[in-house]
Each structure stands twice: as structure tokens, then as C-alpha cells.
C-alpha atoms as a PDB file:
ATOM      1  CA  MET A   1      22.037  24.442  38.429  1.00  0.00           C
ATOM      2  CA  SER A   2      20.672  24.452  41.962  1.00  0.00           C
ATOM      3  CA  ALA A   3      18.370  21.794  43.335  1.00  0.00           C
ATOM      4  CA  ARG A   4      15.587  24.371  43.480  1.00  0.00           C
ATOM      5  CA  SER A   5      16.071  25.202  39.787  1.00  0.00           C
ATOM      6  CA  TRP A   6      15.920  21.530  38.863  1.00  0.00           C
ATOM      7  CA  SER A   7      12.688  21.196  40.808  1.00  0.00           C
ATOM      8  CA  VAL A   8      11.179  23.779  38.470  1.00  0.00           C
ATOM      9  CA  VAL A   9      12.722  22.555  35.210  1.00  0.00           C
ATOM     10  CA  LEU A  10      12.040  18.829  35.547  1.00  0.00           C
ATOM     11  CA  PRO A  11       8.230  19.123  35.789  1.00  0.00           C
ATOM     12  CA  LEU A  12       8.293  21.366  32.696  1.00  0.00           C
ATOM     13  CA  VAL A  13      10.344  18.817  30.767  1.00  0.00           C
ATOM     14  CA  ALA A  14       8.003  16.032  31.839  1.00  0.00           C
ATOM     15  CA  ALA A  15       4.969  18.064  30.795  1.00  0.00           C
ATOM     16  CA  ALA A  16       6.505  18.811  27.410  1.00  0.00           C
ATOM     17  CA  ALA A  17       7.274  15.120  26.871  1.00  0.00           C
ATOM     18  CA  THR A  18       3.724  14.177  27.804  1.00  0.00           C
ATOM     19  CA  MET A  19       2.267  16.730  25.379  1.00  0.00           C
ATOM     20  CA  THR A  20       4.560  15.471  22.618  1.00  0.00           C
ATOM     21  CA  GLY A  21       3.403  11.912  23.265  1.00  0.00           C
ATOM     22  CA  ILE A  22      -0.250  12.929  23.225  1.00  0.00           C
ATOM     23  CA  TYR A  23       0.236  14.798  19.942  1.00  0.00           C
ATOM     24  CA  ALA A  24       2.031  11.831  18.343  1.00  0.00           C
ATOM     25  CA  TYR A  25      -0.726   9.470  19.498  1.00  0.00           C
ATOM     26  CA  HIS A  26      -3.512  11.625  18.096  1.00  0.00           C
ATOM     27  CA  ARG A  27      -1.618  12.208  14.846  1.00  0.00           C
ATOM     28  CA  LEU A  28      -1.197   8.453  14.434  1.00  0.00           C
ATOM     29  CA  ALA A  29      -4.891   7.919  15.198  1.00  0.00           C
ATOM     30  CA  GLN A  30      -5.795  10.551  12.614  1.00  0.00           C
ATOM     31  CA  THR A  31      -3.567   8.886  10.013  1.00  0.00           C
ATOM     32  CA  GLN A  32      -5.145   5.511  10.779  1.00  0.00           C
ATOM     33  CA  MET A  33      -8.629   6.931  10.335  1.00  0.00           C
ATOM     34  CA  GLU A  34      -7.709   8.675   7.102  1.00  0.00           C
ATOM     35  CA  SER A  35      -6.053   5.628   5.592  1.00  0.00           C
ATOM     36  CA  ALA A  36      -8.289   2.867   6.940  1.00  0.00           C
ATOM     37  CA  ALA A  37     -11.757   4.361   7.288  1.00  0.00           C
ATOM     38  CA  LEU A  38     -11.815   6.102   3.902  1.00  0.00           C
ATOM     39  CA  SER A  39     -15.579   6.320   3.427  1.00  0.00           C
ATOM     40  CA  SER A  40     -18.809   4.528   4.150  1.00  0.00           C
ATOM     41  CA  VAL A  41     -19.238   3.569   0.496  1.00  0.00           C
ATOM     42  CA  LYS A  42     -18.054  -0.021   0.063  1.00  0.00           C
ATOM     43  CA  PRO A  43     -18.774  -2.761  -2.471  1.00  0.00           C
ATOM     44  CA  ALA A  44     -20.536  -5.829  -1.135  1.00  0.00           C
ATOM     45  CA  THR A  45     -18.292  -8.124   0.857  1.00  0.00           C
ATOM     46  CA  SER A  46     -17.613 -11.410  -0.910  1.00  0.00           C
ATOM     47  CA  GLU A  47     -18.095 -14.829   0.636  1.00  0.00           C
ATOM     48  CA  ALA A  48     -14.337 -14.844   1.254  1.00  0.00           C
ATOM     49  CA  GLY A  49     -14.706 -11.720   3.391  1.00  0.00           C
ATOM     50  CA  PHE A  50     -13.189  -9.348   0.831  1.00  0.00           C
ATOM     51  CA  SER A  51     -14.136  -5.711   0.476  1.00  0.00           C
ATOM     52  CA  PHE A  52     -12.455  -2.650  -0.970  1.00  0.00           C
ATOM     53  CA  ASN A  53     -12.766   0.498   1.119  1.00  0.00           C
ATOM     54  CA  ALA A  54     -13.730   2.875  -1.675  1.00  0.00           C
ATOM     55  CA  TYR A  55     -13.737   6.662  -1.760  1.00  0.00           C
ATOM     56  CA  GLU A  56     -16.910   8.407  -2.811  1.00  0.00           C
ATOM     57  CA  THR A  57     -14.714  10.346  -5.251  1.00  0.00           C
ATOM     58  CA  PRO A  58     -11.355   8.942  -6.446  1.00  0.00           C
ATOM     59  CA  ARG A  59      -8.439  10.749  -4.813  1.00  0.00           C
ATOM     60  CA  LYS A  60      -5.309  12.246  -6.329  1.00  0.00           C
ATOM     61  CA  LEU A  61      -2.113  10.509  -5.268  1.00  0.00           C
ATOM     62  CA  PRO A  62       1.334  12.000  -4.688  1.00  0.00           C
ATOM     63  CA  GLU A  63       4.058  10.952  -7.090  1.00  0.00           C
ATOM     64  CA  VAL A  64       5.697   7.773  -5.840  1.00  0.00           C
ATOM     65  CA  SER A  65       9.088   6.782  -7.237  1.00  0.00           C
ATOM     66  CA  PHE A  66      10.778   3.378  -7.049  1.00  0.00           C
ATOM     67  CA  THR A  67      13.112   1.152  -9.061  1.00  0.00           C
ATOM     68  CA  ASN A  68      12.392  -1.857 -11.212  1.00  0.00           C
ATOM     69  CA  GLY A  69      14.284  -5.133 -11.329  1.00  0.00           C
ATOM     70  CA  SER A  70      16.908  -3.589 -13.624  1.00  0.00           C
ATOM     71  CA  GLY A  71      17.561  -0.699 -11.243  1.00  0.00           C
ATOM     72  CA  GLU A  72      15.783   1.872 -13.423  1.00  0.00           C
ATOM     73  CA  THR A  73      13.799   4.625 -11.713  1.00  0.00           C
ATOM     74  CA  MET A  74      10.058   4.502 -12.292  1.00  0.00           C
ATOM     75  CA  SER A  75       6.931   6.101 -10.864  1.00  0.00           C
ATOM     76  CA  LEU A  76       3.206   5.465 -10.776  1.00  0.00           C
ATOM     77  CA  SER A  77       2.777   7.851 -13.712  1.00  0.00           C
ATOM     78  CA  ASP A  78       4.503   5.252 -15.912  1.00  0.00           C
ATOM     79  CA  PHE A  79       1.337   3.170 -15.599  1.00  0.00           C
ATOM     80  CA  ARG A  80      -1.043   5.952 -16.614  1.00  0.00           C
ATOM     81  CA  GLY A  81      -3.847   4.606 -18.775  1.00  0.00           C
ATOM     82  CA  LYS A  82      -3.995   1.307 -16.883  1.00  0.00           C
ATOM     83  CA  THR A  83      -5.960   0.289 -13.842  1.00  0.00           C
ATOM     84  CA  VAL A  84      -3.271  -0.534 -11.266  1.00  0.00           C
ATOM     85  CA  LEU A  85      -3.411  -2.711  -8.198  1.00  0.00           C
ATOM     86  CA  LEU A  86      -0.540  -1.304  -6.130  1.00  0.00           C
ATOM     87  CA  ASN A  87       0.465  -3.744  -3.399  1.00  0.00           C
ATOM     88  CA  LEU A  88       2.945  -2.666  -0.705  1.00  0.00           C
ATOM     89  CA  TRP A  89       4.665  -5.702   0.752  1.00  0.00           C
ATOM     90  CA  ALA A  90       7.969  -7.101   2.064  1.00  0.00           C
ATOM     91  CA  THR A  91       9.678 -10.484   2.037  1.00  0.00           C
ATOM     92  CA  TRP A  92       9.731 -10.567   5.854  1.00  0.00           C
ATOM     93  CA  CYS A  93       5.940 -10.101   6.068  1.00  0.00           C
ATOM     94  CA  VAL A  94       4.206 -13.458   6.649  1.00  0.00           C
ATOM     95  CA  PRO A  95       0.738 -12.406   5.359  1.00  0.00           C
ATOM     96  CA  CYS A  96       2.451 -10.913   2.293  1.00  0.00           C
ATOM     97  CA  ARG A  97       4.143 -14.227   1.611  1.00  0.00           C
ATOM     98  CA  GLU A  98       0.773 -15.972   1.732  1.00  0.00           C
ATOM     99  CA  GLU A  99      -0.961 -13.586  -0.672  1.00  0.00           C
ATOM    100  CA  MET A 100       1.833 -13.066  -3.227  1.00  0.00           C
ATOM    101  CA  PRO A 101       0.982 -16.194  -5.275  1.00  0.00           C
ATOM    102  CA  THR A 102      -2.594 -14.934  -5.602  1.00  0.00           C
ATOM    103  CA  LEU A 103      -1.311 -11.581  -6.894  1.00  0.00           C
ATOM    104  CA  ASP A 104       0.863 -13.463  -9.383  1.00  0.00           C
ATOM    105  CA  ARG A 105      -2.166 -15.377 -10.628  1.00  0.00           C
ATOM    106  CA  LEU A 106      -4.234 -12.168 -10.789  1.00  0.00           C
ATOM    107  CA  GLN A 107      -1.582 -10.613 -13.019  1.00  0.00           C
ATOM    108  CA  ALA A 108      -1.712 -13.706 -15.210  1.00  0.00           C
ATOM    109  CA  VAL A 109      -5.499 -13.379 -15.552  1.00  0.00           C
ATOM    110  CA  LEU A 110      -5.940  -9.607 -15.965  1.00  0.00           C
ATOM    111  CA  GLY A 111      -2.497  -8.215 -16.735  1.00  0.00           C
ATOM    112  CA  GLY A 112      -2.075  -6.456 -20.076  1.00  0.00           C
ATOM    113  CA  GLU A 113      -2.749  -3.125 -21.739  1.00  0.00           C
ATOM    114  CA  ASP A 114      -5.594  -2.248 -19.352  1.00  0.00           C
ATOM    115  CA  PHE A 115      -4.407  -3.603 -16.006  1.00  0.00           C
ATOM    116  CA  ALA A 116      -1.244  -4.248 -13.997  1.00  0.00           C
ATOM    117  CA  VAL A 117      -0.377  -5.539 -10.561  1.00  0.00           C
ATOM    118  CA  VAL A 118       2.472  -3.408  -9.198  1.00  0.00           C
ATOM    119  CA  ALA A 119       3.871  -5.356  -6.253  1.00  0.00           C
ATOM    120  CA  LEU A 120       6.091  -2.756  -4.582  1.00  0.00           C
ATOM    121  CA  SER A 121       8.598  -4.318  -2.197  1.00  0.00           C
ATOM    122  CA  LEU A 122       9.743  -2.373   0.862  1.00  0.00           C
ATOM    123  CA  ASP A 123      12.882  -4.482   1.245  1.00  0.00           C
ATOM    124  CA  GLN A 124      15.891  -2.259   1.812  1.00  0.00           C
ATOM    125  CA  GLU A 125      18.202  -5.028   0.560  1.00  0.00           C
ATOM    126  CA  GLY A 126      16.980  -4.290  -2.961  1.00  0.00           C
ATOM    127  CA  ALA A 127      15.936  -6.265  -6.008  1.00  0.00           C
ATOM    128  CA  ALA A 128      18.197  -9.261  -5.389  1.00  0.00           C
ATOM    129  CA  VAL A 129      16.333 -10.385  -2.264  1.00  0.00           C
ATOM    130  CA  VAL A 130      13.003  -9.891  -4.069  1.00  0.00           C
ATOM    131  CA  LYS A 131      14.189 -11.986  -7.031  1.00  0.00           C
ATOM    132  CA  ASP A 132      15.224 -14.782  -4.666  1.00  0.00           C
ATOM    133  CA  PHE A 133      11.788 -14.573  -3.033  1.00  0.00           C
ATOM    134  CA  TYR A 134      10.033 -14.755  -6.426  1.00  0.00           C
ATOM    135  CA  ASP A 135      12.171 -17.760  -7.410  1.00  0.00           C
ATOM    136  CA  GLU A 136      11.444 -19.498  -4.117  1.00  0.00           C
ATOM    137  CA  LEU A 137       7.672 -19.144  -4.532  1.00  0.00           C
ATOM    138  CA  GLY A 138       7.702 -19.718  -8.284  1.00  0.00           C
ATOM    139  CA  LEU A 139       6.226 -16.310  -9.119  1.00  0.00           C
ATOM    140  CA  LYS A 140       6.397 -15.852 -12.883  1.00  0.00           C
ATOM    141  CA  HIS A 141       4.016 -13.038 -13.826  1.00  0.00           C
ATOM    142  CA  LEU A 142       4.884 -10.211 -11.419  1.00  0.00           C
ATOM    143  CA  ASP A 143       7.606  -7.735 -12.308  1.00  0.00           C
ATOM    144  CA  ILE A 144      10.029  -6.613  -9.613  1.00  0.00           C
ATOM    145  CA  TYR A 145       9.554  -3.141  -8.117  1.00  0.00           C
ATOM    146  CA  VAL A 146      11.416  -1.963  -5.024  1.00  0.00           C
ATOM    147  CA  ASP A 147      11.081   1.061  -2.743  1.00  0.00           C
ATOM    148  CA  ASP A 148      14.309   0.586  -0.789  1.00  0.00           C
ATOM    149  CA  ARG A 149      14.111   4.167   0.536  1.00  0.00           C
ATOM    150  CA  LEU A 150      10.762   3.326   2.180  1.00  0.00           C
ATOM    151  CA  SER A 151       9.197   6.555   0.930  1.00  0.00           C
ATOM    152  CA  ALA A 152       5.928   5.087  -0.377  1.00  0.00           C
ATOM    153  CA  PRO A 153       4.239   4.261   2.971  1.00  0.00           C
ATOM    154  CA  ALA A 154       4.489   7.833   4.270  1.00  0.00           C
ATOM    155  CA  LEU A 155       3.463   9.358   0.944  1.00  0.00           C
ATOM    156  CA  LEU A 156       0.454   7.065   0.649  1.00  0.00           C
ATOM    157  CA  GLY A 157      -0.601   7.096   4.310  1.00  0.00           C
ATOM    158  CA  VAL A 158       0.093   3.391   4.785  1.00  0.00           C
ATOM    159  CA  ILE A 159       1.088   2.230   8.271  1.00  0.00           C
ATOM    160  CA  GLY A 160       1.361  -1.520   7.771  1.00  0.00           C
ATOM    161  CA  VAL A 161       1.811  -4.226   5.151  1.00  0.00           C
ATOM    162  CA  PRO A 162       0.338  -5.706   3.161  1.00  0.00           C
ATOM    163  CA  ALA A 163      -1.658  -2.738   1.917  1.00  0.00           C
ATOM    164  CA  THR A 164      -3.177  -2.533  -1.537  1.00  0.00           C
ATOM    165  CA  LEU A 165      -4.404   0.495  -3.472  1.00  0.00           C
ATOM    166  CA  LEU A 166      -6.628   0.321  -6.548  1.00  0.00           C
ATOM    167  CA  ILE A 167      -5.736   3.140  -8.938  1.00  0.00           C
ATOM    168  CA  ASP A 168      -7.685   4.113 -12.037  1.00  0.00           C
ATOM    169  CA  GLY A 169      -6.310   4.891 -15.482  1.00  0.00           C
ATOM    170  CA  GLY A 170      -6.091   8.579 -14.639  1.00  0.00           C
ATOM    171  CA  GLY A 171      -3.816   7.910 -11.672  1.00  0.00           C
ATOM    172  CA  LEU A 172      -6.509   8.476  -9.029  1.00  0.00           C
ATOM    173  CA  GLU A 173      -6.960   6.160  -6.052  1.00  0.00           C
ATOM    174  CA  ILE A 174     -10.328   4.424  -6.153  1.00  0.00           C
ATOM    175  CA  GLY A 175      -9.909   2.714  -2.793  1.00  0.00           C
ATOM    176  CA  ARG A 176      -7.700   0.427  -0.766  1.00  0.00           C
ATOM    177  CA  LYS A 177      -7.576  -2.847   1.110  1.00  0.00           C
ATOM    178  CA  LEU A 178      -5.584  -3.140   4.322  1.00  0.00           C
ATOM    179  CA  GLY A 179      -4.381  -6.650   5.069  1.00  0.00           C
ATOM    180  CA  PRO A 180      -4.086  -9.734   2.858  1.00  0.00           C
ATOM    181  CA  ALA A 181      -6.637 -10.996   0.366  1.00  0.00           C
ATOM    182  CA  GLU A 182      -7.152 -13.870  -2.025  1.00  0.00           C
ATOM    183  CA  TRP A 183      -6.623 -11.696  -5.080  1.00  0.00           C
ATOM    184  CA  ASP A 184      -7.370 -14.307  -7.714  1.00  0.00           C
ATOM    185  CA  SER A 185     -10.702 -15.434  -6.248  1.00  0.00           C
ATOM    186  CA  PRO A 186     -13.669 -15.084  -8.625  1.00  0.00           C
ATOM    187  CA  GLU A 187     -15.313 -12.508  -6.328  1.00  0.00           C
ATOM    188  CA  VAL A 188     -12.248 -10.275  -6.198  1.00  0.00           C
ATOM    189  CA  VAL A 189     -11.543 -10.569  -9.923  1.00  0.00           C
ATOM    190  CA  ALA A 190     -15.160  -9.588 -10.636  1.00  0.00           C
ATOM    191  CA  GLN A 191     -14.875  -6.522  -8.378  1.00  0.00           C
ATOM    192  CA  ILE A 192     -11.662  -5.405 -10.041  1.00  0.00           C
ATOM    193  CA  ARG A 193     -13.201  -5.895 -13.485  1.00  0.00           C
ATOM    194  CA  SER A 194     -16.134  -3.697 -12.466  1.00  0.00           C
ATOM    195  CA  TYR A 195     -13.745  -0.922 -11.416  1.00  0.00           C
ATOM    196  CA  MET A 196     -11.789  -1.283 -14.654  1.00  0.00           C
ATOM    197  CA  GLY A 197     -14.960  -0.607 -16.577  1.00  0.00           C
ATOM    198  CA  SER A 198     -15.480   2.697 -14.760  1.00  0.00           C
ATOM    199  CA  SER A 199     -11.835   3.857 -14.575  1.00  0.00           C
ATOM    200  CA  GLY A 200     -10.740   7.255 -15.748  1.00  0.00           C
ATOM    201  CA  ASP A 201      -8.560   7.755 -18.807  1.00  0.00           C
END
């Protein structure tokens, strides 16, 4: 290709790359707004600074599949009928490490026929590394769930961990919390109980 031809092609390539970058930036911004902003309807913030970003109307979720500690395939539909606190986390995430004991205690307090904490690990190494992590922190009430294919974040519109979704008994997302929280604090437990009372069947 002649020098003159390159002088025409290179600016076109640069322009195309710039447009691709602009599109990717705006698509990421849109995803952030959709997943983080949610709606203006929020419960009162607790003294600990906690608040759930709640939808005005609970939203249908895509089917999310993962494996349990025994390697069996499961999905969110397996928890239908329960209010679920779905927490996306990873062993390499420092804020996740700090909040995991509070999730374990929350499961101890509320876990049962009507409620479950589903702590979904994004560790590609699988259940073994999660079990070691649980043993290290002395977590006794949380079951092991692993999304080693990393499909859940894209399906759920999550761009960082920890991220926690509150899901009603009908499988609809009530709202979400981005970032860590003290999940077993009295204020948070009271908020979750109030959502459990209004969950769908």
C-alpha cells in the first residue's frame, strides 16, 4: 500500500477506534446507572450508613446457574418460596472478607424455611478454595456456592464485588446494595425482616 493510501486509511482506523471507545464508555456508564441508581425509593438509612437501593416494582431476574459445594448444578429458582440475600463475592476481595462473618451470622439468625443467604463465590478455582476460606474464618452457617464461569455478574448487571441482591419469594429482585455492609446489625436485620413480610410467593 502506498504512503498516500496509508495517509487515508490511518485516520479512518483512528476514528473508528475512538468511536468504539466512546461507545464502550457510554455503555459502561449506562450499566452503572442501571445497576447502581435503581430508583429514588429507598428505605431510611441506618445509623451504620446502610441502605438498600430498592426498585419501585420488584424486577424479574434472568436464570443464574452455579454449583454447590458438592459440585451439583443449582440455580436461583431452587430457592423459590424463600426471601434470598444473594451476595456476589470472592476470596481475593478484601471488603468481602470483612463482611463474610456478618453474612454467616445473618444466616444463623434468619436462615430457614423463609430466608437464605446465598453467598455466591466468583472464584474460578472452585469450591475447594472457598471451603479453605470458610475454614480460615470459621464460617459455619453459610453453604458453599460457586460461579466459576463468572456468568452471574453480566447476567445481573453487577460490575464489582461485593454486591448483594435481595430477592423475594417469587424470584423477583426487590433491590440491591453495592459494597460491603454489616449484615447482622439490628438495623439491617430489621430491614430484611420488613421485606420478608411483604415478599411475593
